[in-house]
Amino acid sequence: MDVKEFDYELDESLIAQRPIEAREQSRLMTVNRESGKIEHKHFYDIIDYLNKGDVLVLNDTKVMPSRIYGNKVDTDAKIEFLLLKETSKDVYECLARPFRRIKVGTLIDFNGLMKASIVSKGEEGLCEIKFEYQGIFIEILEKLGEMPLPPYIHEKLEDKDRYQTVYAKNLGSAAAPTAGLHFTKELLKRIEEKGVEIEYVTLHVGLGTFRPMQTEKVEEHHMHSEYYEISEDVAEKLNKAKAEGRRIIAVGTTSTRTLESNMTKYNEFKSTKEDTSIFIYPGYEFKAIDCLITNFHLPKSTLVMLVSAFASKDIIMNAYMEAQKQRYRFFSFGDAMYLYK
């Protein structure tokens, strides 16, 4: 398959530059993934599409303020780092820019609050960096770091919490699981009161989710691994729901990749703490989930391929064209889509 098959033209004025004031007031497009039938709602209407006994699975990862700026100790040149994941104690895989200005052994100073050295350089702007500091790393990061907003968002985010879900708990993500940004605590409570079971998994969003495709053929793309966790209690509840024929509804592509990766590997839901590099594109057979709540994704991205595998490319592309006609907001701070059958 050619990557360009998953391209579409987007009116750039539809790229949401800031979060909507009230999370649940986002628009919601519901799409029957078999017939392609479309309805236009608001996100708070999602409760009408959920049934007693359904299991709603959310990703409780928490975004780190992982974009930091330092200066080379020898030349004072400014270097930007995006921390992706911790690979060992105080060593992080990062994207560095400008990449050519660093080499193994380069020393970086971060505003006098901590220092670091480059311990390895890979491809595509990737490197590993080892930090040295006094105190608590996350507290220093809170002082130094910025929220790692995607490059298509040009406005400054006034409230850092708006790039976190209301249930964010486990720190370690380099990007938000954006489908979850539409939920409020009140909406989740109402969903639970309806008899819907709410369960949490963790996938720390890293390079695998947001890296643009670098190949012309879909099958040649390499997904970088991301860390995920499923607890014993959650695995047990998911297996019970499956056995009883109850629907499992994933909130976001990260929850989807967690559940599908786990089910593909173990043929059941199993408690684990491990990495996944699962790449879902058309032709993939879904084993874990029945419905999906997601946002509108970038052209030619692995995420638009995932939703095209879950519905069909024609249904998704038609829905995206309709979303543009109806002036839906796209990408991280944009509106939502519910794919069901």
C-alpha atoms as a PDB file:
ATOM      1  CA  MET A   1       0.000   0.000   0.000  1.00  0.00           C
ATOM      2  CA  ASP A   2       1.177   3.503  -0.836  1.00  0.00           C
ATOM      3  CA  VAL A   3       1.309   5.990   2.051  1.00  0.00           C
ATOM      4  CA  LYS A   4      -0.218   8.609  -0.284  1.00  0.00           C
ATOM      5  CA  GLU A   5      -3.457   6.574  -0.334  1.00  0.00           C
ATOM      6  CA  PHE A   6      -4.019   7.927   3.175  1.00  0.00           C
ATOM      7  CA  ASP A   7      -3.466  11.546   2.196  1.00  0.00           C
ATOM      8  CA  TYR A   8      -6.237  14.124   2.128  1.00  0.00           C
ATOM      9  CA  GLU A   9      -6.391  17.873   1.629  1.00  0.00           C
ATOM     10  CA  LEU A  10      -7.098  19.820   4.787  1.00  0.00           C
ATOM     11  CA  ASP A  11      -8.163  23.423   5.165  1.00  0.00           C
ATOM     12  CA  GLU A  12      -5.503  24.606   7.641  1.00  0.00           C
ATOM     13  CA  SER A  13      -7.962  26.987   9.303  1.00  0.00           C
ATOM     14  CA  LEU A  14      -9.611  23.839  10.759  1.00  0.00           C
ATOM     15  CA  ILE A  15      -6.512  22.880  12.781  1.00  0.00           C
ATOM     16  CA  ALA A  16      -7.533  23.669  16.372  1.00  0.00           C
ATOM     17  CA  GLN A  17      -5.004  26.029  17.942  1.00  0.00           C
ATOM     18  CA  ARG A  18      -6.436  25.971  21.459  1.00  0.00           C
ATOM     19  CA  PRO A  19      -8.672  23.714  23.528  1.00  0.00           C
ATOM     20  CA  ILE A  20     -12.384  24.492  23.593  1.00  0.00           C
ATOM     21  CA  GLU A  21     -13.449  26.216  26.834  1.00  0.00           C
ATOM     22  CA  ALA A  22     -15.586  23.322  28.145  1.00  0.00           C
ATOM     23  CA  ARG A  23     -14.070  19.934  27.290  1.00  0.00           C
ATOM     24  CA  GLU A  24     -17.346  18.063  26.783  1.00  0.00           C
ATOM     25  CA  GLN A  25     -18.720  20.766  24.450  1.00  0.00           C
ATOM     26  CA  SER A  26     -16.494  19.540  21.598  1.00  0.00           C
ATOM     27  CA  ARG A  27     -18.394  18.286  18.592  1.00  0.00           C
ATOM     28  CA  LEU A  28     -18.790  14.547  18.081  1.00  0.00           C
ATOM     29  CA  MET A  29     -19.199  12.819  14.746  1.00  0.00           C
ATOM     30  CA  THR A  30     -20.627   9.325  15.102  1.00  0.00           C
ATOM     31  CA  VAL A  31     -19.825   6.943  12.260  1.00  0.00           C
ATOM     32  CA  ASN A  32     -21.221   3.455  11.770  1.00  0.00           C
ATOM     33  CA  ARG A  33     -18.092   1.608  10.689  1.00  0.00           C
ATOM     34  CA  GLU A  34     -20.047  -0.853   8.535  1.00  0.00           C
ATOM     35  CA  SER A  35     -22.661   1.345   6.819  1.00  0.00           C
ATOM     36  CA  GLY A  36     -20.764   4.642   7.003  1.00  0.00           C
ATOM     37  CA  LYS A  37     -23.845   6.423   8.441  1.00  0.00           C
ATOM     38  CA  ILE A  38     -22.863   9.751   9.994  1.00  0.00           C
ATOM     39  CA  GLU A  39     -24.533  11.791  12.737  1.00  0.00           C
ATOM     40  CA  HIS A  40     -23.463  15.134  14.192  1.00  0.00           C
ATOM     41  CA  LYS A  41     -23.568  15.507  17.971  1.00  0.00           C
ATOM     42  CA  HIS A  42     -21.685  17.058  20.881  1.00  0.00           C
ATOM     43  CA  PHE A  43     -19.238  15.077  22.962  1.00  0.00           C
ATOM     44  CA  TYR A  44     -21.515  15.001  25.999  1.00  0.00           C
ATOM     45  CA  ASP A  45     -23.925  12.960  23.814  1.00  0.00           C
ATOM     46  CA  ILE A  46     -21.457  10.046  23.895  1.00  0.00           C
ATOM     47  CA  ILE A  47     -23.357   8.734  26.910  1.00  0.00           C
ATOM     48  CA  ASP A  48     -26.327   7.970  24.621  1.00  0.00           C
ATOM     49  CA  TYR A  49     -24.139   5.593  22.586  1.00  0.00           C
ATOM     50  CA  LEU A  50     -22.880   3.654  25.608  1.00  0.00           C
ATOM     51  CA  ASN A  51     -24.832   0.747  27.072  1.00  0.00           C
ATOM     52  CA  LYS A  52     -24.995  -0.795  30.510  1.00  0.00           C
ATOM     53  CA  GLY A  53     -22.307  -3.498  30.667  1.00  0.00           C
ATOM     54  CA  ASP A  54     -19.990  -1.819  28.148  1.00  0.00           C
ATOM     55  CA  VAL A  55     -16.359  -1.424  29.205  1.00  0.00           C
ATOM     56  CA  LEU A  56     -14.799   1.970  28.477  1.00  0.00           C
ATOM     57  CA  VAL A  57     -10.989   1.781  28.445  1.00  0.00           C
ATOM     58  CA  LEU A  58      -8.944   4.954  28.959  1.00  0.00           C
ATOM     59  CA  ASN A  59      -5.209   5.619  28.907  1.00  0.00           C
ATOM     60  CA  ASP A  60      -4.200   7.239  32.220  1.00  0.00           C
ATOM     61  CA  THR A  61      -0.724   8.334  31.126  1.00  0.00           C
ATOM     62  CA  LYS A  62       0.375  11.809  32.205  1.00  0.00           C
ATOM     63  CA  VAL A  63       2.323  14.161  29.934  1.00  0.00           C
ATOM     64  CA  MET A  64       5.720  15.339  31.134  1.00  0.00           C
ATOM     65  CA  PRO A  65       6.765  18.959  30.476  1.00  0.00           C
ATOM     66  CA  SER A  66       9.290  17.274  28.230  1.00  0.00           C
ATOM     67  CA  ARG A  67      10.383  20.017  25.817  1.00  0.00           C
ATOM     68  CA  ILE A  68      13.505  21.557  27.357  1.00  0.00           C
ATOM     69  CA  TYR A  69      16.171  23.967  26.120  1.00  0.00           C
ATOM     70  CA  GLY A  70      19.839  23.842  27.063  1.00  0.00           C
ATOM     71  CA  ASN A  71      23.132  25.353  25.988  1.00  0.00           C
ATOM     72  CA  LYS A  72      26.305  23.597  24.937  1.00  0.00           C
ATOM     73  CA  VAL A  73      28.882  24.181  27.654  1.00  0.00           C
ATOM     74  CA  ASP A  74      31.714  24.850  25.168  1.00  0.00           C
ATOM     75  CA  THR A  75      29.995  27.161  22.647  1.00  0.00           C
ATOM     76  CA  ASP A  76      26.765  28.270  24.426  1.00  0.00           C
ATOM     77  CA  ALA A  77      24.806  27.129  21.336  1.00  0.00           C
ATOM     78  CA  LYS A  78      21.125  26.579  22.131  1.00  0.00           C
ATOM     79  CA  ILE A  79      19.809  22.999  21.752  1.00  0.00           C
ATOM     80  CA  GLU A  80      16.177  21.874  22.048  1.00  0.00           C
ATOM     81  CA  PHE A  81      15.398  18.423  23.441  1.00  0.00           C
ATOM     82  CA  LEU A  82      12.133  16.520  23.462  1.00  0.00           C
ATOM     83  CA  LEU A  83      12.318  13.759  26.078  1.00  0.00           C
ATOM     84  CA  LEU A  84      10.629  10.607  24.762  1.00  0.00           C
ATOM     85  CA  LYS A  85      11.234   7.921  27.365  1.00  0.00           C
ATOM     86  CA  GLU A  86      13.586   6.936  30.166  1.00  0.00           C
ATOM     87  CA  THR A  87      15.785   4.057  28.978  1.00  0.00           C
ATOM     88  CA  SER A  88      17.714   3.621  32.251  1.00  0.00           C
ATOM     89  CA  LYS A  89      18.215   5.618  35.440  1.00  0.00           C
ATOM     90  CA  ASP A  90      18.432   9.328  34.456  1.00  0.00           C
ATOM     91  CA  VAL A  91      19.053   8.406  30.784  1.00  0.00           C
ATOM     92  CA  TYR A  92      16.409   9.511  28.287  1.00  0.00           C
ATOM     93  CA  GLU A  93      15.813   8.878  24.621  1.00  0.00           C
ATOM     94  CA  CYS A  94      15.310  12.314  23.056  1.00  0.00           C
ATOM     95  CA  LEU A  95      14.803  14.172  19.835  1.00  0.00           C
ATOM     96  CA  ALA A  96      17.443  16.902  19.589  1.00  0.00           C
ATOM     97  CA  ARG A  97      17.482  19.999  17.390  1.00  0.00           C
ATOM     98  CA  PRO A  98      19.722  21.101  15.726  1.00  0.00           C
ATOM     99  CA  PHE A  99      20.942  17.514  15.690  1.00  0.00           C
ATOM    100  CA  ARG A 100      24.173  18.240  13.804  1.00  0.00           C
ATOM    101  CA  ARG A 101      25.442  20.443  16.635  1.00  0.00           C
ATOM    102  CA  ILE A 102      25.721  17.633  19.143  1.00  0.00           C
ATOM    103  CA  LYS A 103      27.995  14.607  19.296  1.00  0.00           C
ATOM    104  CA  VAL A 104      28.661  11.858  21.829  1.00  0.00           C
ATOM    105  CA  GLY A 105      30.250  13.501  24.858  1.00  0.00           C
ATOM    106  CA  THR A 106      28.727  16.963  24.259  1.00  0.00           C
ATOM    107  CA  LEU A 107      27.929  18.605  27.602  1.00  0.00           C
ATOM    108  CA  ILE A 108      24.704  20.573  27.996  1.00  0.00           C
ATOM    109  CA  ASP A 109      23.763  23.050  30.729  1.00  0.00           C
ATOM    110  CA  PHE A 110      20.088  23.621  31.542  1.00  0.00           C
ATOM    111  CA  ASN A 111      19.862  27.088  33.029  1.00  0.00           C
ATOM    112  CA  GLY A 112      22.173  26.114  35.902  1.00  0.00           C
ATOM    113  CA  LEU A 113      19.507  23.744  37.279  1.00  0.00           C
ATOM    114  CA  MET A 114      21.023  20.558  35.848  1.00  0.00           C
ATOM    115  CA  LYS A 115      23.583  19.296  33.370  1.00  0.00           C
ATOM    116  CA  ALA A 116      23.610  16.443  30.876  1.00  0.00           C
ATOM    117  CA  SER A 117      25.901  14.648  28.441  1.00  0.00           C
ATOM    118  CA  ILE A 118      25.086  13.018  25.100  1.00  0.00           C
ATOM    119  CA  VAL A 119      25.720   9.286  25.518  1.00  0.00           C
ATOM    120  CA  SER A 120      24.641   8.075  22.061  1.00  0.00           C
ATOM    121  CA  LYS A 121      23.425   9.373  18.692  1.00  0.00           C
ATOM    122  CA  GLY A 122      21.064   7.452  16.445  1.00  0.00           C
ATOM    123  CA  GLU A 123      19.136   8.279  13.285  1.00  0.00           C
ATOM    124  CA  GLU A 124      16.274  10.697  12.592  1.00  0.00           C
ATOM    125  CA  GLY A 125      17.347  13.196  15.270  1.00  0.00           C
ATOM    126  CA  LEU A 126      17.342  10.600  18.061  1.00  0.00           C
ATOM    127  CA  CYS A 127      19.915  10.577  20.831  1.00  0.00           C
ATOM    128  CA  GLU A 128      20.302   9.427  24.428  1.00  0.00           C
ATOM    129  CA  ILE A 129      21.130  11.963  27.103  1.00  0.00           C
ATOM    130  CA  LYS A 130      22.206  11.376  30.721  1.00  0.00           C
ATOM    131  CA  PHE A 131      21.168  13.954  33.306  1.00  0.00           C
ATOM    132  CA  GLU A 132      23.036  15.037  36.430  1.00  0.00           C
ATOM    133  CA  TYR A 133      21.167  17.058  39.035  1.00  0.00           C
ATOM    134  CA  GLN A 134      20.585  17.676  42.726  1.00  0.00           C
ATOM    135  CA  GLY A 135      17.073  17.104  44.047  1.00  0.00           C
ATOM    136  CA  ILE A 136      14.010  15.609  42.349  1.00  0.00           C
ATOM    137  CA  PHE A 137      14.139  15.316  38.568  1.00  0.00           C
ATOM    138  CA  ILE A 138      10.439  15.976  37.863  1.00  0.00           C
ATOM    139  CA  GLU A 139      10.502  19.120  40.042  1.00  0.00           C
ATOM    140  CA  ILE A 140      13.437  20.459  38.012  1.00  0.00           C
ATOM    141  CA  LEU A 141      11.641  19.493  34.794  1.00  0.00           C
ATOM    142  CA  GLU A 142       8.540  21.402  35.950  1.00  0.00           C
ATOM    143  CA  LYS A 143      10.694  24.540  36.232  1.00  0.00           C
ATOM    144  CA  LEU A 144      12.548  24.063  32.939  1.00  0.00           C
ATOM    145  CA  GLY A 145      10.162  22.253  30.665  1.00  0.00           C
ATOM    146  CA  GLU A 146       7.327  23.164  28.370  1.00  0.00           C
ATOM    147  CA  MET A 147       4.376  21.010  27.365  1.00  0.00           C
ATOM    148  CA  PRO A 148       5.375  19.205  24.140  1.00  0.00           C
ATOM    149  CA  LEU A 149       2.635  20.627  21.933  1.00  0.00           C
ATOM    150  CA  PRO A 150       2.676  19.381  18.319  1.00  0.00           C
ATOM    151  CA  PRO A 151       4.347  21.635  15.721  1.00  0.00           C
ATOM    152  CA  TYR A 152       1.023  22.509  14.049  1.00  0.00           C
ATOM    153  CA  ILE A 153      -0.111  24.315  17.224  1.00  0.00           C
ATOM    154  CA  HIS A 154       1.310  27.824  17.071  1.00  0.00           C
ATOM    155  CA  GLU A 155      -0.492  29.446  20.003  1.00  0.00           C
ATOM    156  CA  LYS A 156       0.899  29.383  23.530  1.00  0.00           C
ATOM    157  CA  LEU A 157      -1.051  27.150  25.899  1.00  0.00           C
ATOM    158  CA  GLU A 158      -2.061  29.277  28.889  1.00  0.00           C
ATOM    159  CA  ASP A 159      -3.149  26.384  31.128  1.00  0.00           C
ATOM    160  CA  LYS A 160      -0.828  23.341  31.112  1.00  0.00           C
ATOM    161  CA  ASP A 161      -3.609  21.146  32.503  1.00  0.00           C
ATOM    162  CA  ARG A 162      -5.555  21.484  29.263  1.00  0.00           C
ATOM    163  CA  TYR A 163      -2.977  19.206  27.597  1.00  0.00           C
ATOM    164  CA  GLN A 164      -3.724  16.560  30.249  1.00  0.00           C
ATOM    165  CA  THR A 165      -6.759  14.338  30.612  1.00  0.00           C
ATOM    166  CA  VAL A 166      -8.723  14.832  33.852  1.00  0.00           C
ATOM    167  CA  TYR A 167      -7.734  11.281  34.846  1.00  0.00           C
ATOM    168  CA  ALA A 168      -4.008  11.549  33.982  1.00  0.00           C
ATOM    169  CA  LYS A 169      -2.059   9.686  36.644  1.00  0.00           C
ATOM    170  CA  ASN A 170       1.110   7.890  35.497  1.00  0.00           C
ATOM    171  CA  LEU A 171       3.807  10.343  34.439  1.00  0.00           C
ATOM    172  CA  GLY A 172       5.843   9.466  31.350  1.00  0.00           C
ATOM    173  CA  SER A 173       4.207  10.630  28.109  1.00  0.00           C
ATOM    174  CA  ALA A 174       5.747  12.820  25.418  1.00  0.00           C
ATOM    175  CA  ALA A 175       2.282  13.669  24.059  1.00  0.00           C
ATOM    176  CA  ALA A 176      -1.291  13.604  25.326  1.00  0.00           C
ATOM    177  CA  PRO A 177      -3.710  10.781  24.503  1.00  0.00           C
ATOM    178  CA  THR A 178      -5.940  13.408  22.919  1.00  0.00           C
ATOM    179  CA  ALA A 179      -9.219  11.479  22.563  1.00  0.00           C
ATOM    180  CA  GLY A 180      -9.405  11.554  26.351  1.00  0.00           C
ATOM    181  CA  LEU A 181      -9.209  15.356  26.519  1.00  0.00           C
ATOM    182  CA  HIS A 182     -12.982  15.592  25.895  1.00  0.00           C
ATOM    183  CA  PHE A 183     -13.974  13.860  29.140  1.00  0.00           C
ATOM    184  CA  THR A 184     -14.795  15.694  32.357  1.00  0.00           C
ATOM    185  CA  LYS A 185     -14.988  14.066  35.785  1.00  0.00           C
ATOM    186  CA  GLU A 186     -18.733  14.797  35.790  1.00  0.00           C
ATOM    187  CA  LEU A 187     -19.264  13.092  32.419  1.00  0.00           C
ATOM    188  CA  LEU A 188     -17.279  10.042  33.552  1.00  0.00           C
ATOM    189  CA  LYS A 189     -19.391   9.867  36.700  1.00  0.00           C
ATOM    190  CA  ARG A 190     -22.616   9.970  34.661  1.00  0.00           C
ATOM    191  CA  ILE A 191     -21.270   7.239  32.356  1.00  0.00           C
ATOM    192  CA  GLU A 192     -20.442   5.072  35.357  1.00  0.00           C
ATOM    193  CA  GLU A 193     -23.883   5.682  36.853  1.00  0.00           C
ATOM    194  CA  LYS A 194     -25.396   4.371  33.613  1.00  0.00           C
ATOM    195  CA  GLY A 195     -23.753   1.008  34.315  1.00  0.00           C
ATOM    196  CA  VAL A 196     -20.732   1.363  32.052  1.00  0.00           C
ATOM    197  CA  GLU A 197     -17.527  -0.099  33.516  1.00  0.00           C
ATOM    198  CA  ILE A 198     -14.560   2.291  33.307  1.00  0.00           C
ATOM    199  CA  GLU A 199     -11.077   0.760  33.266  1.00  0.00           C
ATOM    200  CA  TYR A 200      -7.621   2.269  32.880  1.00  0.00           C
ATOM    201  CA  VAL A 201      -4.496   1.103  31.087  1.00  0.00           C
ATOM    202  CA  THR A 202      -1.254   3.028  30.630  1.00  0.00           C
ATOM    203  CA  LEU A 203       0.662   3.641  27.411  1.00  0.00           C
ATOM    204  CA  HIS A 204       3.321   6.336  27.494  1.00  0.00           C
ATOM    205  CA  VAL A 205       2.976   8.099  24.172  1.00  0.00           C
ATOM    206  CA  GLY A 206       6.319   8.395  22.415  1.00  0.00           C
ATOM    207  CA  LEU A 207       7.822   8.505  18.977  1.00  0.00           C
ATOM    208  CA  GLY A 208       5.767   5.540  17.737  1.00  0.00           C
ATOM    209  CA  THR A 209       2.509   7.470  17.897  1.00  0.00           C
ATOM    210  CA  PHE A 210       3.427  10.865  16.516  1.00  0.00           C
ATOM    211  CA  ARG A 211       6.421  10.313  14.214  1.00  0.00           C
ATOM    212  CA  PRO A 212       5.559  11.138  10.575  1.00  0.00           C
ATOM    213  CA  MET A 213       5.850   8.347   8.018  1.00  0.00           C
ATOM    214  CA  GLN A 214       9.295   8.314   6.384  1.00  0.00           C
ATOM    215  CA  THR A 215       8.585   5.643   3.753  1.00  0.00           C
ATOM    216  CA  GLU A 216       6.553   5.534   0.538  1.00  0.00           C
ATOM    217  CA  LYS A 217       5.118   2.077   1.267  1.00  0.00           C
ATOM    218  CA  VAL A 218       3.001   1.559   4.382  1.00  0.00           C
ATOM    219  CA  GLU A 219       4.463  -1.882   5.086  1.00  0.00           C
ATOM    220  CA  GLU A 220       8.027  -0.522   5.190  1.00  0.00           C
ATOM    221  CA  HIS A 221       7.339   1.887   8.066  1.00  0.00           C
ATOM    222  CA  HIS A 222       9.086   1.080  11.350  1.00  0.00           C
ATOM    223  CA  MET A 223       7.131   1.855  14.529  1.00  0.00           C
ATOM    224  CA  HIS A 224       9.249   2.904  17.505  1.00  0.00           C
ATOM    225  CA  SER A 225       8.349   1.032  20.667  1.00  0.00           C
ATOM    226  CA  GLU A 226       6.280   2.532  23.481  1.00  0.00           C
ATOM    227  CA  TYR A 227       5.893   1.294  27.054  1.00  0.00           C
ATOM    228  CA  TYR A 228       2.515   0.053  28.296  1.00  0.00           C
ATOM    229  CA  GLU A 229       1.003  -1.503  31.422  1.00  0.00           C
ATOM    230  CA  ILE A 230      -2.148  -3.512  32.122  1.00  0.00           C
ATOM    231  CA  SER A 231      -2.883  -4.458  35.730  1.00  0.00           C
ATOM    232  CA  GLU A 232      -4.050  -7.908  36.805  1.00  0.00           C
ATOM    233  CA  ASP A 233      -7.420  -6.543  37.920  1.00  0.00           C
ATOM    234  CA  VAL A 234      -8.042  -4.800  34.580  1.00  0.00           C
ATOM    235  CA  ALA A 235      -6.952  -7.856  32.541  1.00  0.00           C
ATOM    236  CA  GLU A 236      -9.363 -10.009  34.557  1.00  0.00           C
ATOM    237  CA  LYS A 237     -12.279  -7.603  34.016  1.00  0.00           C
ATOM    238  CA  LEU A 238     -11.571  -7.305  30.285  1.00  0.00           C
ATOM    239  CA  ASN A 239     -11.431 -11.095  29.878  1.00  0.00           C
ATOM    240  CA  LYS A 240     -14.740 -11.391  31.742  1.00  0.00           C
ATOM    241  CA  ALA A 241     -16.352  -8.786  29.469  1.00  0.00           C
ATOM    242  CA  LYS A 242     -15.071 -10.603  26.365  1.00  0.00           C
ATOM    243  CA  ALA A 243     -16.365 -13.954  27.625  1.00  0.00           C
ATOM    244  CA  GLU A 244     -19.779 -12.410  28.276  1.00  0.00           C
ATOM    245  CA  GLY A 245     -19.943 -10.741  24.853  1.00  0.00           C
ATOM    246  CA  ARG A 246     -19.939  -7.218  26.274  1.00  0.00           C
ATOM    247  CA  ARG A 247     -18.487  -4.379  24.195  1.00  0.00           C
ATOM    248  CA  ILE A 248     -15.003  -3.034  24.826  1.00  0.00           C
ATOM    249  CA  ILE A 249     -14.779   0.624  23.807  1.00  0.00           C
ATOM    250  CA  ALA A 250     -11.297   2.108  23.477  1.00  0.00           C
ATOM    251  CA  VAL A 251     -10.772   5.802  24.133  1.00  0.00           C
ATOM    252  CA  GLY A 252      -8.078   6.763  21.669  1.00  0.00           C
ATOM    253  CA  THR A 253      -5.588   5.057  19.413  1.00  0.00           C
ATOM    254  CA  THR A 254      -3.153   4.572  22.327  1.00  0.00           C
ATOM    255  CA  SER A 255      -5.691   2.542  24.327  1.00  0.00           C
ATOM    256  CA  THR A 256      -6.453   0.648  21.108  1.00  0.00           C
ATOM    257  CA  ARG A 257      -2.798  -0.172  20.489  1.00  0.00           C
ATOM    258  CA  THR A 258      -2.378  -1.271  24.121  1.00  0.00           C
ATOM    259  CA  LEU A 259      -5.348  -3.646  24.021  1.00  0.00           C
ATOM    260  CA  GLU A 260      -4.701  -5.003  20.519  1.00  0.00           C
ATOM    261  CA  SER A 261      -1.002  -5.532  21.218  1.00  0.00           C
ATOM    262  CA  ASN A 262      -1.789  -7.408  24.410  1.00  0.00           C
ATOM    263  CA  MET A 263      -4.495  -9.578  22.861  1.00  0.00           C
ATOM    264  CA  THR A 264      -2.404 -10.316  19.746  1.00  0.00           C
ATOM    265  CA  LYS A 265       0.550 -11.477  21.851  1.00  0.00           C
ATOM    266  CA  TYR A 266      -1.284 -13.517  24.503  1.00  0.00           C
ATOM    267  CA  ASN A 267      -4.648 -14.441  22.868  1.00  0.00           C
ATOM    268  CA  GLU A 268      -6.300 -13.014  25.981  1.00  0.00           C
ATOM    269  CA  PHE A 269      -5.866  -9.939  28.140  1.00  0.00           C
ATOM    270  CA  LYS A 270      -2.851 -10.432  30.361  1.00  0.00           C
ATOM    271  CA  SER A 271      -1.321  -8.315  33.103  1.00  0.00           C
ATOM    272  CA  THR A 272       2.023  -7.014  31.837  1.00  0.00           C
ATOM    273  CA  LYS A 273       4.546  -4.175  31.821  1.00  0.00           C
ATOM    274  CA  GLU A 274       6.317  -4.155  28.471  1.00  0.00           C
ATOM    275  CA  ASP A 275       6.942  -2.342  25.198  1.00  0.00           C
ATOM    276  CA  THR A 276       4.829  -2.479  22.065  1.00  0.00           C
ATOM    277  CA  SER A 277       5.650  -1.488  18.501  1.00  0.00           C
ATOM    278  CA  ILE A 278       2.362  -2.711  17.007  1.00  0.00           C
ATOM    279  CA  PHE A 279       1.511  -0.993  13.720  1.00  0.00           C
ATOM    280  CA  ILE A 280      -2.159  -1.248  12.756  1.00  0.00           C
ATOM    281  CA  TYR A 281      -3.138  -0.541   9.150  1.00  0.00           C
ATOM    282  CA  PRO A 282      -5.804  -1.868   6.744  1.00  0.00           C
ATOM    283  CA  GLY A 283      -5.758  -5.651   6.610  1.00  0.00           C
ATOM    284  CA  TYR A 284      -5.314  -5.931  10.378  1.00  0.00           C
ATOM    285  CA  GLU A 285      -7.971  -8.014  12.157  1.00  0.00           C
ATOM    286  CA  PHE A 286      -9.116  -6.430  15.415  1.00  0.00           C
ATOM    287  CA  LYS A 287      -9.231  -8.887  18.301  1.00  0.00           C
ATOM    288  CA  ALA A 288      -9.687  -6.729  21.397  1.00  0.00           C
ATOM    289  CA  ILE A 289     -11.964  -3.731  20.801  1.00  0.00           C
ATOM    290  CA  ASP A 290     -15.489  -3.251  19.484  1.00  0.00           C
ATOM    291  CA  CYS A 291     -15.796   0.549  19.292  1.00  0.00           C
ATOM    292  CA  LEU A 292     -13.386   3.482  19.228  1.00  0.00           C
ATOM    293  CA  ILE A 293     -13.534   7.105  20.380  1.00  0.00           C
ATOM    294  CA  THR A 294     -10.856   9.121  18.611  1.00  0.00           C
ATOM    295  CA  ASN A 295      -9.967  12.535  17.163  1.00  0.00           C
ATOM    296  CA  PHE A 296      -9.387  13.576  13.538  1.00  0.00           C
ATOM    297  CA  HIS A 297      -5.842  12.661  12.552  1.00  0.00           C
ATOM    298  CA  LEU A 298      -3.106  14.023  10.299  1.00  0.00           C
ATOM    299  CA  PRO A 299      -2.954  13.047   6.624  1.00  0.00           C
ATOM    300  CA  LYS A 300      -0.612  10.113   5.872  1.00  0.00           C
ATOM    301  CA  SER A 301      -0.206   9.333   9.598  1.00  0.00           C
ATOM    302  CA  THR A 302      -0.108   5.927  11.279  1.00  0.00           C
ATOM    303  CA  LEU A 303      -3.210   7.036  13.205  1.00  0.00           C
ATOM    304  CA  VAL A 304      -5.329   7.680  10.123  1.00  0.00           C
ATOM    305  CA  MET A 305      -4.213   4.207   8.974  1.00  0.00           C
ATOM    306  CA  LEU A 306      -5.357   2.686  12.262  1.00  0.00           C
ATOM    307  CA  VAL A 307      -8.862   4.169  12.016  1.00  0.00           C
ATOM    308  CA  SER A 308      -8.984   3.153   8.325  1.00  0.00           C
ATOM    309  CA  ALA A 309      -8.262  -0.411   9.433  1.00  0.00           C
ATOM    310  CA  PHE A 310     -11.037  -0.238  12.034  1.00  0.00           C
ATOM    311  CA  ALA A 311     -13.691   1.083   9.632  1.00  0.00           C
ATOM    312  CA  SER A 312     -12.507   1.232   6.045  1.00  0.00           C
ATOM    313  CA  LYS A 313     -10.410   3.746   4.172  1.00  0.00           C
ATOM    314  CA  ASP A 314     -13.439   4.842   2.108  1.00  0.00           C
ATOM    315  CA  ILE A 315     -15.652   5.338   5.165  1.00  0.00           C
ATOM    316  CA  ILE A 316     -12.930   7.283   7.009  1.00  0.00           C
ATOM    317  CA  MET A 317     -12.032   9.500   4.047  1.00  0.00           C
ATOM    318  CA  ASN A 318     -15.720  10.229   3.451  1.00  0.00           C
ATOM    319  CA  ALA A 319     -16.146  11.095   7.150  1.00  0.00           C
ATOM    320  CA  TYR A 320     -13.113  13.407   7.015  1.00  0.00           C
ATOM    321  CA  MET A 321     -14.519  15.208   3.954  1.00  0.00           C
ATOM    322  CA  GLU A 322     -17.865  15.610   5.731  1.00  0.00           C
ATOM    323  CA  ALA A 323     -16.054  16.893   8.850  1.00  0.00           C
ATOM    324  CA  GLN A 324     -14.436  19.609   6.758  1.00  0.00           C
ATOM    325  CA  LYS A 325     -17.749  20.588   5.151  1.00  0.00           C
ATOM    326  CA  GLN A 326     -19.262  20.892   8.635  1.00  0.00           C
ATOM    327  CA  ARG A 327     -16.218  22.837   9.938  1.00  0.00           C
ATOM    328  CA  TYR A 328     -15.146  20.320  12.566  1.00  0.00           C
ATOM    329  CA  ARG A 329     -11.902  21.146  14.405  1.00  0.00           C
ATOM    330  CA  PHE A 330      -8.973  18.832  13.619  1.00  0.00           C
ATOM    331  CA  PHE A 331      -6.050  17.217  15.473  1.00  0.00           C
ATOM    332  CA  SER A 332      -4.980  17.378  19.151  1.00  0.00           C
ATOM    333  CA  PHE A 333      -7.310  20.127  20.416  1.00  0.00           C
ATOM    334  CA  GLY A 334      -9.977  19.290  17.857  1.00  0.00           C
ATOM    335  CA  ASP A 335     -13.308  17.486  17.849  1.00  0.00           C
ATOM    336  CA  ALA A 336     -14.044  13.775  18.277  1.00  0.00           C
ATOM    337  CA  MET A 337     -15.291  10.808  16.287  1.00  0.00           C
ATOM    338  CA  TYR A 338     -17.046   7.696  17.563  1.00  0.00           C
ATOM    339  CA  LEU A 339     -16.663   4.572  15.416  1.00  0.00           C
ATOM    340  CA  TYR A 340     -19.161   1.819  16.214  1.00  0.00           C
ATOM    341  CA  LYS A 341     -21.321  -0.862  14.653  1.00  0.00           C
END
